[in-house]
Protein backbone atom coordinates (compact mmCIF):
# COMPACT_ATOMS: atom_id res chain seq x y z
CA UNK A 1 0.00 0.00 0.00
CA UNK A 2 1.12 3.51 -0.63
CA UNK A 3 0.94 6.33 1.90
CA UNK A 4 -2.36 7.47 0.38
CA UNK A 5 -3.82 4.07 1.34
CA UNK A 6 -4.17 3.04 -2.27
CA UNK A 7 -3.59 -0.51 -3.40
CA UNK A 8 -1.22 -0.70 -6.34
CA UNK A 9 -1.42 -3.77 -8.55
CA UNK A 10 1.90 -4.50 -10.23
CA UNK A 11 3.12 -7.04 -12.73
CA UNK A 12 5.64 -9.57 -11.41
CA UNK A 13 8.31 -7.87 -13.50
CA UNK A 14 7.62 -4.42 -12.01
CA UNK A 15 7.34 -5.78 -8.47
CA UNK A 16 10.70 -7.54 -8.84
CA UNK A 17 12.29 -4.37 -10.22
CA UNK A 18 11.05 -2.36 -7.23
CA UNK A 19 12.25 -4.93 -4.71
CA UNK A 20 15.68 -5.08 -6.35
CA UNK A 21 15.87 -1.29 -6.20
CA UNK A 22 15.05 -1.26 -2.49
CA UNK A 23 17.53 -4.05 -1.66
CA UNK A 24 20.26 -2.35 -3.70
CA UNK A 25 19.95 0.75 -1.51
CA UNK A 26 20.52 -1.26 1.67
CA UNK A 27 23.11 -3.67 0.28
CA UNK A 28 25.63 -1.15 -0.99
CA UNK A 29 29.25 -2.15 -0.38
CA UNK A 30 28.43 -5.66 0.86
CA UNK A 31 27.62 -9.06 -0.55
CA UNK A 32 24.38 -10.35 0.91
CA UNK A 33 25.15 -13.86 -0.33
CA UNK A 34 28.54 -13.90 1.39
CA UNK A 35 27.00 -12.53 4.56
CA UNK A 36 24.31 -15.23 4.56
CA UNK A 37 26.84 -18.02 3.94
CA UNK A 38 29.00 -16.73 6.78
CA UNK A 39 26.03 -16.63 9.17
CA UNK A 40 24.98 -20.16 8.22
CA UNK A 41 28.50 -21.49 8.78
CA UNK A 42 28.62 -19.89 12.22
CA UNK A 43 25.26 -21.41 13.11
CA UNK A 44 26.40 -24.85 11.92
CA UNK A 45 29.58 -24.61 14.01
CA UNK A 46 27.54 -23.71 17.09
CA UNK A 47 25.21 -26.66 16.52
CA UNK A 48 28.16 -29.08 16.22
CA UNK A 49 29.74 -28.04 19.53
C-alpha atoms as a PDB file:
ATOM      1  CA  UNK A   1       0.000   0.000   0.000  1.00  0.00           C
ATOM      2  CA  UNK A   2       1.124   3.511  -0.634  1.00  0.00           C
ATOM      3  CA  UNK A   3       0.935   6.328   1.904  1.00  0.00           C
ATOM      4  CA  UNK A   4      -2.359   7.468   0.382  1.00  0.00           C
ATOM      5  CA  UNK A   5      -3.817   4.068   1.338  1.00  0.00           C
ATOM      6  CA  UNK A   6      -4.173   3.039  -2.274  1.00  0.00           C
ATOM      7  CA  UNK A   7      -3.594  -0.505  -3.397  1.00  0.00           C
ATOM      8  CA  UNK A   8      -1.220  -0.699  -6.340  1.00  0.00           C
ATOM      9  CA  UNK A   9      -1.416  -3.769  -8.552  1.00  0.00           C
ATOM     10  CA  UNK A  10       1.905  -4.504 -10.229  1.00  0.00           C
ATOM     11  CA  UNK A  11       3.116  -7.036 -12.731  1.00  0.00           C
ATOM     12  CA  UNK A  12       5.645  -9.567 -11.410  1.00  0.00           C
ATOM     13  CA  UNK A  13       8.313  -7.871 -13.498  1.00  0.00           C
ATOM     14  CA  UNK A  14       7.616  -4.425 -12.006  1.00  0.00           C
ATOM     15  CA  UNK A  15       7.339  -5.778  -8.466  1.00  0.00           C
ATOM     16  CA  UNK A  16      10.700  -7.537  -8.836  1.00  0.00           C
ATOM     17  CA  UNK A  17      12.293  -4.367 -10.220  1.00  0.00           C
ATOM     18  CA  UNK A  18      11.051  -2.362  -7.233  1.00  0.00           C
ATOM     19  CA  UNK A  19      12.248  -4.928  -4.710  1.00  0.00           C
ATOM     20  CA  UNK A  20      15.684  -5.081  -6.350  1.00  0.00           C
ATOM     21  CA  UNK A  21      15.866  -1.294  -6.201  1.00  0.00           C
ATOM     22  CA  UNK A  22      15.052  -1.264  -2.488  1.00  0.00           C
ATOM     23  CA  UNK A  23      17.525  -4.046  -1.662  1.00  0.00           C
ATOM     24  CA  UNK A  24      20.256  -2.352  -3.703  1.00  0.00           C
ATOM     25  CA  UNK A  25      19.954   0.754  -1.507  1.00  0.00           C
ATOM     26  CA  UNK A  26      20.518  -1.260   1.667  1.00  0.00           C
ATOM     27  CA  UNK A  27      23.110  -3.666   0.279  1.00  0.00           C
ATOM     28  CA  UNK A  28      25.631  -1.152  -0.991  1.00  0.00           C
ATOM     29  CA  UNK A  29      29.247  -2.152  -0.379  1.00  0.00           C
ATOM     30  CA  UNK A  30      28.426  -5.656   0.857  1.00  0.00           C
ATOM     31  CA  UNK A  31      27.623  -9.057  -0.555  1.00  0.00           C
ATOM     32  CA  UNK A  32      24.385 -10.350   0.913  1.00  0.00           C
ATOM     33  CA  UNK A  33      25.147 -13.863  -0.334  1.00  0.00           C
ATOM     34  CA  UNK A  34      28.545 -13.897   1.389  1.00  0.00           C
ATOM     35  CA  UNK A  35      27.002 -12.530   4.557  1.00  0.00           C
ATOM     36  CA  UNK A  36      24.307 -15.227   4.558  1.00  0.00           C
ATOM     37  CA  UNK A  37      26.836 -18.018   3.941  1.00  0.00           C
ATOM     38  CA  UNK A  38      29.000 -16.734   6.782  1.00  0.00           C
ATOM     39  CA  UNK A  39      26.032 -16.632   9.171  1.00  0.00           C
ATOM     40  CA  UNK A  40      24.978 -20.165   8.217  1.00  0.00           C
ATOM     41  CA  UNK A  41      28.502 -21.493   8.780  1.00  0.00           C
ATOM     42  CA  UNK A  42      28.622 -19.891  12.223  1.00  0.00           C
ATOM     43  CA  UNK A  43      25.255 -21.412  13.109  1.00  0.00           C
ATOM     44  CA  UNK A  44      26.397 -24.850  11.917  1.00  0.00           C
ATOM     45  CA  UNK A  45      29.576 -24.610  14.008  1.00  0.00           C
ATOM     46  CA  UNK A  46      27.540 -23.714  17.094  1.00  0.00           C
ATOM     47  CA  UNK A  47      25.206 -26.665  16.519  1.00  0.00           C
ATOM     48  CA  UNK A  48      28.164 -29.076  16.223  1.00  0.00           C
ATOM     49  CA  UNK A  49      29.741 -28.036  19.535  1.00  0.00           C
END
